């Protein structure tokens, strides 16, 4: 039997403090959970929510999305960022229809075989959608366990086998999904990256990092990386032209939204290489068909 001294206080805290998020509700099916997990990668909940609702209203099942052109997924993605995730969801929907009769598989291994689905997403869907007993190691969970058990402010940059063994050792024998989402929520709301609220933590008295004097702690949040003028911003401007158009656009329409030609062409080439933009024979451009 697994002994986890942190489980009860963290799960009890979660029962009182959890956010009401649509993908956590009992009526959220596996497709809804999978969509949320893809959208939440590197993206805050507040930005995800409106796109998530619009997405599922239009494509409530994998089959609904699979029959649409990939470009419509990119269009619906809007300004959520990292638009290759939209293509991944479209590919996932097609694979679910072709390989699994339109139903998201409940097996962790089969989830891993879906295009664009990595170990975290497979574990999250298997756990949260199907009640499987899997370690769900997102950024928040990794940070909580690094502080609580290992006494370190932050986990390593890449997930290690030691982290996986630790997470597996803490999985409770019953209701592992609730434990996983509770730790995730604790990291999102209390044990944050730069401004942890230790006074509000239900396991502060057992936290190895706090008891060690918070080694390495460097205070409030640092400013984020510059976005203005970057290739990422340029890519976003070009893609916005295509999303807002009813059909293909001429090259001049793309040239008009970014003055620096070398950077503009580099960004356009990257969008084409990523499959987000299709070059046409007449010199125009369109979202993927």
Protein backbone atom coordinates (compact mmCIF):
# COMPACT_ATOMS: atom_id res chain seq x y z
CA UNK A 1 0.00 0.00 0.00
CA UNK A 2 1.28 3.45 -0.95
CA UNK A 3 1.92 5.79 1.99
CA UNK A 4 1.61 9.45 1.09
CA UNK A 5 1.63 11.82 4.09
CA UNK A 6 0.78 14.79 1.87
CA UNK A 7 -2.29 13.36 0.15
CA UNK A 8 -5.01 13.99 2.73
CA UNK A 9 -4.23 17.67 3.47
CA UNK A 10 -3.72 18.56 -0.18
CA UNK A 11 -6.88 16.76 -1.35
CA UNK A 12 -8.86 18.37 1.48
CA UNK A 13 -7.50 21.79 0.47
CA UNK A 14 -8.47 21.12 -3.12
CA UNK A 15 -12.04 20.23 -2.16
CA UNK A 16 -12.45 23.75 -0.79
CA UNK A 17 -10.27 25.86 -3.10
CA UNK A 18 -10.50 24.28 -6.54
CA UNK A 19 -11.50 26.47 -9.46
CA UNK A 20 -14.68 25.64 -11.32
CA UNK A 21 -13.20 24.72 -14.70
CA UNK A 22 -15.33 23.10 -17.41
CA UNK A 23 -12.93 20.26 -18.20
CA UNK A 24 -13.06 19.16 -14.56
CA UNK A 25 -16.82 18.82 -14.41
CA UNK A 26 -18.41 15.35 -14.35
CA UNK A 27 -20.03 15.91 -17.75
CA UNK A 28 -16.71 16.68 -19.47
CA UNK A 29 -15.99 13.75 -21.74
CA UNK A 30 -12.59 12.45 -22.85
CA UNK A 31 -12.51 14.66 -25.96
CA UNK A 32 -13.15 17.76 -23.85
CA UNK A 33 -10.37 16.76 -21.47
CA UNK A 34 -7.96 16.11 -24.34
CA UNK A 35 -8.76 19.48 -25.96
CA UNK A 36 -8.18 21.27 -22.67
CA UNK A 37 -4.83 19.59 -22.11
CA UNK A 38 -3.56 20.61 -25.54
CA UNK A 39 -4.81 24.17 -25.14
CA UNK A 40 -3.37 24.59 -21.64
CA UNK A 41 0.18 23.83 -22.75
CA UNK A 42 2.16 27.03 -22.03
CA UNK A 43 -1.08 29.02 -21.93
CA UNK A 44 -2.95 30.49 -18.91
CA UNK A 45 -6.44 29.28 -18.07
CA UNK A 46 -7.98 32.73 -18.60
CA UNK A 47 -6.84 32.78 -22.22
CA UNK A 48 -7.88 29.21 -22.87
CA UNK A 49 -11.45 29.38 -21.58
CA UNK A 50 -13.15 31.37 -24.39
CA UNK A 51 -11.40 29.41 -27.16
CA UNK A 52 -12.16 26.12 -25.41
CA UNK A 53 -15.89 26.90 -25.24
CA UNK A 54 -16.01 27.99 -28.89
CA UNK A 55 -14.02 24.96 -30.02
CA UNK A 56 -16.27 22.41 -28.32
CA UNK A 57 -19.42 24.23 -29.41
CA UNK A 58 -18.29 23.82 -33.01
CA UNK A 59 -16.54 20.45 -32.71
CA UNK A 60 -18.08 18.52 -29.80
CA UNK A 61 -16.49 15.27 -30.99
CA UNK A 62 -13.31 14.22 -32.81
CA UNK A 63 -15.38 13.29 -35.86
CA UNK A 64 -16.76 16.83 -36.11
CA UNK A 65 -13.27 18.27 -36.29
CA UNK A 66 -11.79 15.55 -38.47
CA UNK A 67 -14.16 16.28 -41.36
CA UNK A 68 -13.11 19.96 -41.47
CA UNK A 69 -9.99 21.30 -43.24
CA UNK A 70 -6.98 21.75 -40.97
CA UNK A 71 -7.07 25.46 -41.73
CA UNK A 72 -10.36 25.81 -39.88
CA UNK A 73 -8.68 24.53 -36.73
CA UNK A 74 -5.96 27.14 -37.16
CA UNK A 75 -8.60 29.83 -37.73
CA UNK A 76 -10.57 28.85 -34.63
CA UNK A 77 -7.35 28.82 -32.59
CA UNK A 78 -7.23 32.59 -32.94
CA UNK A 79 -4.58 34.31 -30.85
CA UNK A 80 -4.14 31.51 -28.33
CA UNK A 81 -0.48 31.16 -29.32
CA UNK A 82 1.67 28.24 -30.48
CA UNK A 83 -0.79 27.48 -33.32
CA UNK A 84 0.86 24.19 -34.22
CA UNK A 85 -1.23 22.83 -31.37
CA UNK A 86 -4.31 23.45 -33.52
CA UNK A 87 -2.83 21.26 -36.24
CA UNK A 88 -2.01 18.63 -33.62
CA UNK A 89 -5.62 18.58 -32.45
CA UNK A 90 -6.80 18.20 -36.02
CA UNK A 91 -4.39 15.30 -36.58
CA UNK A 92 -5.44 13.74 -33.29
CA UNK A 93 -9.10 13.97 -34.29
CA UNK A 94 -8.38 12.28 -37.62
CA UNK A 95 -6.39 9.52 -35.91
CA UNK A 96 -9.13 8.92 -33.33
CA UNK A 97 -11.68 8.55 -36.12
CA UNK A 98 -9.47 6.34 -38.29
CA UNK A 99 -8.02 4.12 -35.58
CA UNK A 100 -10.53 4.15 -32.73
CA UNK A 101 -13.96 4.62 -34.28
CA UNK A 102 -14.21 8.23 -33.16
CA UNK A 103 -13.73 7.51 -29.46
CA UNK A 104 -10.71 8.78 -27.55
CA UNK A 105 -8.85 5.65 -26.37
CA UNK A 106 -8.71 5.01 -22.65
CA UNK A 107 -5.41 3.14 -22.76
CA UNK A 108 -2.27 5.12 -21.92
CA UNK A 109 -0.22 3.37 -24.59
CA UNK A 110 -2.76 4.01 -27.32
CA UNK A 111 -3.01 7.65 -26.29
CA UNK A 112 0.75 7.94 -26.70
CA UNK A 113 0.41 6.68 -30.26
CA UNK A 114 -1.78 9.64 -31.24
CA UNK A 115 0.07 12.37 -33.21
CA UNK A 116 1.42 15.16 -31.03
CA UNK A 117 0.53 13.42 -27.76
CA UNK A 118 3.45 13.12 -25.36
CA UNK A 119 3.87 11.40 -22.02
CA UNK A 120 2.28 14.21 -20.00
CA UNK A 121 -0.82 14.55 -22.17
CA UNK A 122 -1.33 10.78 -22.36
CA UNK A 123 -1.09 10.47 -18.57
CA UNK A 124 -3.39 13.46 -18.02
CA UNK A 125 -6.12 12.15 -20.33
CA UNK A 126 -5.85 8.58 -19.03
CA UNK A 127 -6.07 9.90 -15.48
CA UNK A 128 -8.56 12.77 -15.64
CA UNK A 129 -10.86 11.40 -18.35
CA UNK A 130 -10.77 7.70 -17.47
CA UNK A 131 -9.72 7.53 -13.82
CA UNK A 132 -6.42 5.80 -14.51
CA UNK A 133 -3.63 5.63 -11.97
CA UNK A 134 -0.88 7.66 -13.63
CA UNK A 135 1.61 10.30 -12.52
CA UNK A 136 0.70 13.61 -14.16
CA UNK A 137 3.84 15.72 -14.17
CA UNK A 138 3.10 19.18 -15.47
CA UNK A 139 5.15 22.27 -14.55
CA UNK A 140 3.08 22.98 -11.45
CA UNK A 141 3.23 19.43 -10.12
CA UNK A 142 6.96 19.20 -10.71
CA UNK A 143 7.53 22.46 -8.83
CA UNK A 144 5.38 21.41 -5.86
CA UNK A 145 7.15 18.05 -5.52
CA UNK A 146 10.59 19.64 -5.92
CA UNK A 147 9.89 21.97 -3.01
CA UNK A 148 7.78 19.74 -0.83
CA UNK A 149 9.87 16.56 -1.01
CA UNK A 150 13.25 17.40 -2.54
CA UNK A 151 13.80 20.77 -0.86
CA UNK A 152 14.63 22.54 -4.15
CA UNK A 153 13.07 25.75 -5.39
CA UNK A 154 12.63 24.51 -8.95
CA UNK A 155 12.77 21.12 -10.66
CA UNK A 156 15.29 20.36 -13.42
CA UNK A 157 14.60 21.88 -16.84
CA UNK A 158 13.64 18.49 -18.26
CA UNK A 159 11.69 15.82 -16.43
CA UNK A 160 14.04 13.20 -14.99
CA UNK A 161 13.57 9.54 -14.18
CA UNK A 162 14.07 10.42 -10.51
CA UNK A 163 11.10 12.80 -10.68
CA UNK A 164 8.98 10.11 -12.27
CA UNK A 165 9.95 7.59 -9.59
CA UNK A 166 9.11 10.11 -6.86
CA UNK A 167 5.75 10.94 -8.44
CA UNK A 168 4.93 7.25 -8.85
CA UNK A 169 5.84 6.54 -5.23
CA UNK A 170 3.33 9.19 -4.08
CA UNK A 171 0.38 7.95 -6.13
CA UNK A 172 -2.36 6.96 -3.69
CA UNK A 173 -3.91 3.55 -4.08
CA UNK A 174 -7.36 5.09 -4.43
CA UNK A 175 -8.49 8.16 -6.39
CA UNK A 176 -5.10 8.97 -7.88
CA UNK A 177 -6.69 11.43 -10.37
CA UNK A 178 -7.90 13.67 -7.54
CA UNK A 179 -4.43 13.67 -6.01
CA UNK A 180 -2.92 14.62 -9.35
CA UNK A 181 -5.26 17.51 -10.06
CA UNK A 182 -5.06 18.71 -6.44
CA UNK A 183 -1.26 19.02 -6.57
CA UNK A 184 -1.58 20.74 -9.94
CA UNK A 185 -4.03 23.26 -8.47
CA UNK A 186 -1.81 23.86 -5.44
CA UNK A 187 1.05 24.76 -7.77
CA UNK A 188 -1.14 27.03 -9.86
CA UNK A 189 -2.71 28.95 -6.97
CA UNK A 190 -0.38 28.75 -3.96
CA UNK A 191 3.04 27.25 -4.67
CA UNK A 192 3.64 29.55 -7.63
CA UNK A 193 6.96 29.99 -9.39
CA UNK A 194 8.00 33.38 -8.07
CA UNK A 195 5.57 34.38 -5.33
CA UNK A 196 4.68 31.28 -3.31
CA UNK A 197 2.09 31.89 -0.59
CA UNK A 198 3.44 29.51 2.01
CA UNK A 199 1.07 30.82 4.67
CA UNK A 200 -1.83 29.43 2.65
CA UNK A 201 -0.25 26.05 1.90
CA UNK A 202 -1.88 23.02 3.56
CA UNK A 203 1.45 21.17 3.81
CA UNK A 204 3.77 24.07 4.65
CA UNK A 205 4.81 22.46 7.92
CA UNK A 206 6.12 19.47 5.97
CA UNK A 207 7.71 21.34 3.08
CA UNK A 208 11.42 20.52 2.85
CA UNK A 209 12.17 23.72 0.92
CA UNK A 210 10.45 25.99 3.45
CA UNK A 211 12.03 24.18 6.41
CA UNK A 212 15.45 24.63 4.81
CA UNK A 213 14.94 28.39 4.62
CA UNK A 214 13.84 28.51 0.97
CA UNK A 215 17.31 28.15 -0.57
CA UNK A 216 17.68 29.89 -3.90
CA UNK A 217 14.52 31.99 -3.51
CA UNK A 218 14.95 35.25 -5.39
CA UNK A 219 11.77 37.15 -4.67
CA UNK A 220 8.97 38.44 -6.91
CA UNK A 221 8.44 37.55 -10.57
CA UNK A 222 10.98 38.57 -13.16
CA UNK A 223 9.78 40.35 -16.26
CA UNK A 224 8.91 38.03 -19.12
CA UNK A 225 10.86 37.76 -22.31
CA UNK A 226 10.50 40.53 -24.90
CA UNK A 227 7.78 39.83 -27.45
CA UNK A 228 7.63 43.05 -29.51
CA UNK A 229 9.69 42.81 -32.67
CA UNK A 230 10.38 39.07 -32.39
CA UNK A 231 9.90 36.43 -35.07
CA UNK A 232 7.06 35.08 -32.96
CA UNK A 233 5.22 38.39 -33.17
CA UNK A 234 5.85 38.56 -36.91
CA UNK A 235 4.49 35.04 -37.38
CA UNK A 236 1.40 35.99 -35.39
CA UNK A 237 0.77 39.06 -37.55
CA UNK A 238 1.07 37.08 -40.78
CA UNK A 239 -1.14 34.27 -39.53
CA UNK A 240 -3.76 36.77 -38.35
CA UNK A 241 -4.14 38.07 -41.93
CA UNK A 242 -4.96 34.55 -43.12
CA UNK A 243 -7.25 33.74 -40.20
CA UNK A 244 -9.29 36.89 -40.81
CA UNK A 245 -9.60 36.35 -44.55
CA UNK A 246 -12.43 34.39 -46.17
CA UNK A 247 -10.01 32.70 -48.55
CA UNK A 248 -6.50 32.97 -50.01
CA UNK A 249 -4.66 36.27 -49.72
CA UNK A 250 -2.09 37.87 -52.04
CA UNK A 251 1.51 38.28 -50.91
CA UNK A 252 0.99 42.04 -50.71
CA UNK A 253 -1.51 41.56 -47.88
CA UNK A 254 1.17 39.82 -45.83
CA UNK A 255 3.86 42.34 -46.74
CA UNK A 256 1.63 45.15 -45.47
CA UNK A 257 1.61 43.95 -41.84
CA UNK A 258 5.38 43.71 -41.27
CA UNK A 259 7.91 46.23 -42.58
CA UNK A 260 11.18 44.35 -42.17
CA UNK A 261 11.42 42.12 -45.26
CA UNK A 262 14.13 39.67 -44.14
CA UNK A 263 12.38 38.88 -40.88
CA UNK A 264 9.01 38.73 -42.63
CA UNK A 265 10.21 36.19 -45.18
CA UNK A 266 11.90 34.13 -42.48
CA UNK A 267 8.69 34.06 -40.46
CA UNK A 268 6.62 33.16 -43.51
CA UNK A 269 8.99 30.33 -44.41
CA UNK A 270 8.68 29.01 -40.86
CA UNK A 271 4.88 29.07 -41.02
CA UNK A 272 4.99 27.12 -44.28
CA UNK A 273 7.48 24.61 -42.84
CA UNK A 274 5.20 24.10 -39.82
CA UNK A 275 2.24 23.36 -42.06
CA UNK A 276 0.32 26.41 -40.88
CA UNK A 277 0.32 28.17 -44.24
CA UNK A 278 0.01 26.80 -47.76
CA UNK A 279 1.74 28.63 -50.65
CA UNK A 280 -0.40 28.67 -53.80
CA UNK A 281 0.60 28.39 -57.44
CA UNK A 282 -0.62 31.93 -58.20
CA UNK A 283 1.71 33.44 -55.58
CA UNK A 284 -0.93 33.78 -52.88
CA UNK A 285 -1.20 32.07 -49.51
CA UNK A 286 -3.91 30.25 -47.59
CA UNK A 287 -4.54 28.32 -44.40
CA UNK A 288 -3.95 24.58 -44.85
CA UNK A 289 -6.68 22.67 -46.65
